[in-house]
PDB file of N, CA and C in Angstrom:
ATOM      1  N   UNK A   1     -19.712  55.039  23.181  1.00  0.00           N
ATOM      2  CA  UNK A   1     -19.920  56.199  22.355  1.00  0.00           C
ATOM      3  C   UNK A   1     -18.757  57.155  22.575  1.00  0.00           C
ATOM      4  N   UNK A   2     -18.376  57.828  21.502  1.00  0.00           N
ATOM      5  CA  UNK A   2     -17.301  58.812  21.557  1.00  0.00           C
ATOM      6  C   UNK A   2     -17.838  60.169  21.121  1.00  0.00           C
ATOM      7  N   UNK A   3     -17.194  61.206  21.590  1.00  0.00           N
ATOM      8  CA  UNK A   3     -17.543  62.570  21.213  1.00  0.00           C
ATOM      9  C   UNK A   3     -16.254  63.304  20.899  1.00  0.00           C
ATOM     10  N   UNK A   4     -16.229  64.018  19.830  1.00  0.00           N
ATOM     11  CA  UNK A   4     -15.018  64.757  19.476  1.00  0.00           C
ATOM     12  C   UNK A   4     -15.355  66.103  18.876  1.00  0.00           C
ATOM     13  N   UNK A   5     -14.427  67.002  18.986  1.00  0.00           N
ATOM     14  CA  UNK A   5     -14.547  68.325  18.380  1.00  0.00           C
ATOM     15  C   UNK A   5     -13.430  68.490  17.365  1.00  0.00           C
ATOM     16  N   UNK A   6     -13.747  69.049  16.253  1.00  0.00           N
ATOM     17  CA  UNK A   6     -12.766  69.295  15.205  1.00  0.00           C
ATOM     18  C   UNK A   6     -12.635  70.805  15.040  1.00  0.00           C
ATOM     19  N   UNK A   7     -11.416  71.284  15.040  1.00  0.00           N
ATOM     20  CA  UNK A   7     -11.149  72.704  14.847  1.00  0.00           C
ATOM     21  C   UNK A   7     -10.424  72.901  13.525  1.00  0.00           C
ATOM     22  N   UNK A   8     -10.886  73.833  12.739  1.00  0.00           N
ATOM     23  CA  UNK A   8     -10.193  74.229  11.519  1.00  0.00           C
ATOM     24  C   UNK A   8      -9.505  75.550  11.828  1.00  0.00           C
ATOM     25  N   UNK A   9      -8.192  75.530  11.799  1.00  0.00           N
ATOM     26  CA  UNK A   9      -7.402  76.700  12.165  1.00  0.00           C
ATOM     27  C   UNK A   9      -6.681  77.210  10.927  1.00  0.00           C
ATOM     28  N   UNK A  10      -6.798  78.481  10.670  1.00  0.00           N
ATOM     29  CA  UNK A  10      -6.089  79.099   9.557  1.00  0.00           C
ATOM     30  C   UNK A  10      -5.030  80.030  10.129  1.00  0.00           C
ATOM     31  N   UNK A  11      -3.787  79.782   9.764  1.00  0.00           N
ATOM     32  CA  UNK A  11      -2.693  80.608  10.247  1.00  0.00           C
ATOM     33  C   UNK A  11      -2.341  81.706   9.260  1.00  0.00           C
ATOM     34  N   UNK A  12      -1.456  82.572   9.692  1.00  0.00           N
ATOM     35  CA  UNK A  12      -1.045  83.669   8.824  1.00  0.00           C
ATOM     36  C   UNK A  12       0.273  83.392   8.109  1.00  0.00           C
ATOM     37  N   UNK A  13       0.840  82.197   8.331  1.00  0.00           N
ATOM     38  CA  UNK A  13       2.066  81.803   7.633  1.00  0.00           C
ATOM     39  C   UNK A  13       2.150  80.281   7.603  1.00  0.00           C
ATOM     40  N   UNK A  14       2.975  79.753   6.739  1.00  0.00           N
ATOM     41  CA  UNK A  14       3.071  78.302   6.544  1.00  0.00           C
ATOM     42  C   UNK A  14       4.047  77.632   7.505  1.00  0.00           C
ATOM     43  N   UNK A  15       4.857  78.404   8.204  1.00  0.00           N
ATOM     44  CA  UNK A  15       5.846  77.810   9.105  1.00  0.00           C
ATOM     45  C   UNK A  15       5.174  77.387  10.411  1.00  0.00           C
ATOM     46  N   UNK A  16       5.403  76.143  10.786  1.00  0.00           N
ATOM     47  CA  UNK A  16       4.935  75.655  12.080  1.00  0.00           C
ATOM     48  C   UNK A  16       6.119  75.009  12.777  1.00  0.00           C
ATOM     49  N   UNK A  17       5.984  74.806  14.073  1.00  0.00           N
ATOM     50  CA  UNK A  17       7.049  74.109  14.795  1.00  0.00           C
ATOM     51  C   UNK A  17       6.428  73.192  15.832  1.00  0.00           C
ATOM     52  N   UNK A  18       7.119  72.129  16.107  1.00  0.00           N
ATOM     53  CA  UNK A  18       6.711  71.140  17.095  1.00  0.00           C
ATOM     54  C   UNK A  18       7.580  71.346  18.324  1.00  0.00           C
ATOM     55  N   UNK A  19       6.965  71.451  19.474  1.00  0.00           N
ATOM     56  CA  UNK A  19       7.740  71.663  20.704  1.00  0.00           C
ATOM     57  C   UNK A  19       8.404  70.384  21.189  1.00  0.00           C
ATOM     58  N   UNK A  20       7.703  69.280  21.106  1.00  0.00           N
ATOM     59  CA  UNK A  20       8.230  68.006  21.606  1.00  0.00           C
ATOM     60  C   UNK A  20       8.798  67.211  20.432  1.00  0.00           C
ATOM     61  N   UNK A  21       9.897  67.673  19.879  1.00  0.00           N
ATOM     62  CA  UNK A  21      10.458  67.063  18.669  1.00  0.00           C
ATOM     63  C   UNK A  21      10.929  65.630  18.886  1.00  0.00           C
ATOM     64  N   UNK A  22      11.173  65.229  20.126  1.00  0.00           N
ATOM     65  CA  UNK A  22      11.568  63.846  20.391  1.00  0.00           C
ATOM     66  C   UNK A  22      10.373  62.896  20.372  1.00  0.00           C
ATOM     67  N   UNK A  23       9.140  63.440  20.414  1.00  0.00           N
ATOM     68  CA  UNK A  23       7.941  62.607  20.437  1.00  0.00           C
ATOM     69  C   UNK A  23       7.058  62.775  19.204  1.00  0.00           C
ATOM     70  N   UNK A  24       7.123  63.943  18.576  1.00  0.00           N
ATOM     71  CA  UNK A  24       6.186  64.267  17.509  1.00  0.00           C
ATOM     72  C   UNK A  24       6.897  64.779  16.269  1.00  0.00           C
ATOM     73  N   UNK A  25       6.208  64.677  15.160  1.00  0.00           N
ATOM     74  CA  UNK A  25       6.662  65.283  13.907  1.00  0.00           C
ATOM     75  C   UNK A  25       5.427  65.851  13.228  1.00  0.00           C
ATOM     76  N   UNK A  26       5.603  66.891  12.462  1.00  0.00           N
ATOM     77  CA  UNK A  26       4.447  67.474  11.805  1.00  0.00           C
ATOM     78  C   UNK A  26       4.834  68.416  10.699  1.00  0.00           C
ATOM     79  N   UNK A  27       3.879  68.648   9.822  1.00  0.00           N
ATOM     80  CA  UNK A  27       4.075  69.577   8.713  1.00  0.00           C
ATOM     81  C   UNK A  27       2.703  69.996   8.207  1.00  0.00           C
ATOM     82  N   UNK A  28       2.642  71.183   7.648  1.00  0.00           N
ATOM     83  CA  UNK A  28       1.426  71.616   6.972  1.00  0.00           C
ATOM     84  C   UNK A  28       1.462  71.093   5.549  1.00  0.00           C
ATOM     85  N   UNK A  29       0.373  70.474   5.148  1.00  0.00           N
ATOM     86  CA  UNK A  29       0.283  69.927   3.794  1.00  0.00           C
ATOM     87  C   UNK A  29      -0.981  70.432   3.125  1.00  0.00           C
ATOM     88  N   UNK A  30      -0.928  70.645   1.828  1.00  0.00           N
ATOM     89  CA  UNK A  30      -2.179  70.912   1.112  1.00  0.00           C
ATOM     90  C   UNK A  30      -3.074  69.671   1.208  1.00  0.00           C
ATOM     91  N   UNK A  31      -4.361  69.887   1.159  1.00  0.00           N
ATOM     92  CA  UNK A  31      -5.312  68.785   1.290  1.00  0.00           C
ATOM     93  C   UNK A  31      -5.022  67.673   0.290  1.00  0.00           C
ATOM     94  N   UNK A  32      -4.715  68.037  -0.943  1.00  0.00           N
ATOM     95  CA  UNK A  32      -4.462  67.026  -1.972  1.00  0.00           C
ATOM     96  C   UNK A  32      -3.235  66.182  -1.637  1.00  0.00           C
ATOM     97  N   UNK A  33      -2.236  66.767  -0.995  1.00  0.00           N
ATOM     98  CA  UNK A  33      -1.033  66.018  -0.617  1.00  0.00           C
ATOM     99  C   UNK A  33      -1.332  65.019   0.498  1.00  0.00           C
ATOM    100  N   UNK A  34      -2.385  65.263   1.266  1.00  0.00           N
ATOM    101  CA  UNK A  34      -2.758  64.350   2.352  1.00  0.00           C
ATOM    102  C   UNK A  34      -3.441  63.087   1.839  1.00  0.00           C
ATOM    103  N   UNK A  35      -3.923  63.147   0.592  1.00  0.00           N
ATOM    104  CA  UNK A  35      -4.659  62.001   0.032  1.00  0.00           C
ATOM    105  C   UNK A  35      -3.838  60.711   0.076  1.00  0.00           C
ATOM    106  N   UNK A  36      -2.530  60.809  -0.076  1.00  0.00           N
ATOM    107  CA  UNK A  36      -1.687  59.604  -0.074  1.00  0.00           C
ATOM    108  C   UNK A  36      -1.654  58.929   1.297  1.00  0.00           C
ATOM    109  N   UNK A  37      -2.060  59.628   2.345  1.00  0.00           N
ATOM    110  CA  UNK A  37      -2.095  59.064   3.696  1.00  0.00           C
ATOM    111  C   UNK A  37      -3.475  58.508   4.056  1.00  0.00           C
ATOM    112  N   UNK A  38      -4.442  58.623   3.156  1.00  0.00           N
ATOM    113  CA  UNK A  38      -5.841  58.321   3.458  1.00  0.00           C
ATOM    114  C   UNK A  38      -6.040  56.926   4.060  1.00  0.00           C
ATOM    115  N   UNK A  39      -5.474  55.913   3.453  1.00  0.00           N
ATOM    116  CA  UNK A  39      -5.700  54.543   3.935  1.00  0.00           C
ATOM    117  C   UNK A  39      -5.053  54.284   5.288  1.00  0.00           C
ATOM    118  N   UNK A  40      -4.091  55.098   5.678  1.00  0.00           N
ATOM    119  CA  UNK A  40      -3.454  54.959   6.989  1.00  0.00           C
ATOM    120  C   UNK A  40      -4.164  55.768   8.069  1.00  0.00           C
ATOM    121  N   UNK A  41      -5.136  56.592   7.685  1.00  0.00           N
ATOM    122  CA  UNK A  41      -5.864  57.419   8.649  1.00  0.00           C
ATOM    123  C   UNK A  41      -6.875  56.583   9.413  1.00  0.00           C
ATOM    124  N   UNK A  42      -7.172  57.017  10.637  1.00  0.00           N
ATOM    125  CA  UNK A  42      -8.271  56.410  11.382  1.00  0.00           C
ATOM    126  C   UNK A  42      -9.578  56.836  10.721  1.00  0.00           C
ATOM    127  N   UNK A  43     -10.650  56.104  11.003  1.00  0.00           N
ATOM    128  CA  UNK A  43     -11.921  56.364  10.319  1.00  0.00           C
ATOM    129  C   UNK A  43     -12.422  57.787  10.553  1.00  0.00           C
ATOM    130  N   UNK A  44     -12.246  58.335  11.763  1.00  0.00           N
ATOM    131  CA  UNK A  44     -12.720  59.697  12.014  1.00  0.00           C
ATOM    132  C   UNK A  44     -11.922  60.700  11.191  1.00  0.00           C
ATOM    133  N   UNK A  45     -10.643  60.437  10.990  1.00  0.00           N
ATOM    134  CA  UNK A  45      -9.821  61.329  10.167  1.00  0.00           C
ATOM    135  C   UNK A  45     -10.244  61.258   8.709  1.00  0.00           C
ATOM    136  N   UNK A  46     -10.615  60.064   8.248  1.00  0.00           N
ATOM    137  CA  UNK A  46     -11.102  59.913   6.879  1.00  0.00           C
ATOM    138  C   UNK A  46     -12.409  60.681   6.681  1.00  0.00           C
ATOM    139  N   UNK A  47     -13.285  60.654   7.681  1.00  0.00           N
ATOM    140  CA  UNK A  47     -14.538  61.402   7.591  1.00  0.00           C
ATOM    141  C   UNK A  47     -14.273  62.896   7.449  1.00  0.00           C
ATOM    142  N   UNK A  48     -13.341  63.410   8.238  1.00  0.00           N
ATOM    143  CA  UNK A  48     -13.004  64.832   8.170  1.00  0.00           C
ATOM    144  C   UNK A  48     -12.357  65.152   6.830  1.00  0.00           C
ATOM    145  N   UNK A  49     -11.455  64.300   6.385  1.00  0.00           N
ATOM    146  CA  UNK A  49     -10.818  64.515   5.081  1.00  0.00           C
ATOM    147  C   UNK A  49     -11.873  64.565   3.984  1.00  0.00           C
ATOM    148  N   UNK A  50     -12.783  63.594   3.990  1.00  0.00           N
ATOM    149  CA  UNK A  50     -13.842  63.546   2.979  1.00  0.00           C
ATOM    150  C   UNK A  50     -14.672  64.827   3.002  1.00  0.00           C
ATOM    151  N   UNK A  51     -14.987  65.301   4.189  1.00  0.00           N
ATOM    152  CA  UNK A  51     -15.771  66.532   4.320  1.00  0.00           C
ATOM    153  C   UNK A  51     -15.009  67.723   3.739  1.00  0.00           C
ATOM    154  N   UNK A  52     -13.745  67.859   4.100  1.00  0.00           N
ATOM    155  CA  UNK A  52     -12.942  68.976   3.607  1.00  0.00           C
ATOM    156  C   UNK A  52     -12.721  68.898   2.101  1.00  0.00           C
ATOM    157  N   UNK A  53     -12.618  67.690   1.578  1.00  0.00           N
ATOM    158  CA  UNK A  53     -12.402  67.503   0.144  1.00  0.00           C
ATOM    159  C   UNK A  53     -13.708  67.594  -0.648  1.00  0.00           C
ATOM    160  N   UNK A  54     -14.834  67.698   0.064  1.00  0.00           N
ATOM    161  CA  UNK A  54     -16.123  67.807  -0.612  1.00  0.00           C
ATOM    162  C   UNK A  54     -16.594  66.515  -1.224  1.00  0.00           C
ATOM    163  N   UNK A  55     -16.144  65.392  -0.661  1.00  0.00           N
ATOM    164  CA  UNK A  55     -16.524  64.081  -1.174  1.00  0.00           C
ATOM    165  C   UNK A  55     -17.451  63.400  -0.177  1.00  0.00           C
ATOM    166  N   UNK A  56     -18.390  62.594  -0.671  1.00  0.00           N
ATOM    167  CA  UNK A  56     -19.189  61.808   0.268  1.00  0.00           C
ATOM    168  C   UNK A  56     -18.283  60.839   1.012  1.00  0.00           C
ATOM    169  N   UNK A  57     -18.502  60.711   2.290  1.00  0.00           N
ATOM    170  CA  UNK A  57     -17.631  59.838   3.083  1.00  0.00           C
ATOM    171  C   UNK A  57     -17.957  58.376   2.838  1.00  0.00           C
ATOM    172  N   UNK A  58     -16.975  57.534   3.105  1.00  0.00           N
ATOM    173  CA  UNK A  58     -17.153  56.089   2.945  1.00  0.00           C
ATOM    174  C   UNK A  58     -18.250  55.574   3.857  1.00  0.00           C
ATOM    175  N   UNK A  59     -18.344  56.107   5.071  1.00  0.00           N
ATOM    176  CA  UNK A  59     -19.353  55.614   6.006  1.00  0.00           C
ATOM    177  C   UNK A  59     -20.757  55.929   5.492  1.00  0.00           C
ATOM    178  N   UNK A  60     -20.949  57.092   4.859  1.00  0.00           N
ATOM    179  CA  UNK A  60     -22.253  57.396   4.285  1.00  0.00           C
ATOM    180  C   UNK A  60     -22.568  56.460   3.136  1.00  0.00           C
ATOM    181  N   UNK A  61     -21.569  56.102   2.349  1.00  0.00           N
ATOM    182  CA  UNK A  61     -21.781  55.164   1.257  1.00  0.00           C
ATOM    183  C   UNK A  61     -22.160  53.797   1.803  1.00  0.00           C
ATOM    184  N   UNK A  62     -21.507  53.369   2.873  1.00  0.00           N
ATOM    185  CA  UNK A  62     -21.822  52.071   3.470  1.00  0.00           C
ATOM    186  C   UNK A  62     -23.238  52.060   4.025  1.00  0.00           C
ATOM    187  N   UNK A  63     -23.672  53.169   4.626  1.00  0.00           N
ATOM    188  CA  UNK A  63     -25.028  53.236   5.160  1.00  0.00           C
ATOM    189  C   UNK A  63     -26.062  53.139   4.041  1.00  0.00           C
ATOM    190  N   UNK A  64     -25.777  53.737   2.902  1.00  0.00           N
ATOM    191  CA  UNK A  64     -26.710  53.682   1.776  1.00  0.00           C
ATOM    192  C   UNK A  64     -26.807  52.282   1.193  1.00  0.00           C
ATOM    193  N   UNK A  65     -25.714  51.517   1.263  1.00  0.00           N
ATOM    194  CA  UNK A  65     -25.692  50.179   0.673  1.00  0.00           C
ATOM    195  C   UNK A  65     -26.437  49.165   1.519  1.00  0.00           C
ATOM    196  N   UNK A  66     -26.611  49.419   2.808  1.00  0.00           N
ATOM    197  CA  UNK A  66     -27.276  48.446   3.682  1.00  0.00           C
ATOM    198  C   UNK A  66     -28.761  48.659   3.732  1.00  0.00           C
TER     199      UNK A  66
END
């Protein structure tokens, strides 16, 4: 079993920076722009995306089908 916490953070500007630029990369994207990454996301990330986008998640659909 896994347990996770999700934080929704709202900043006061769009500029962000990564401290460990040799290890990480990042950018702020509008939710709709993230849709193109959906199939590459882990399942927990897809659940959060679905929730934020106001769509029923795939896992809920699978549970209904069984």
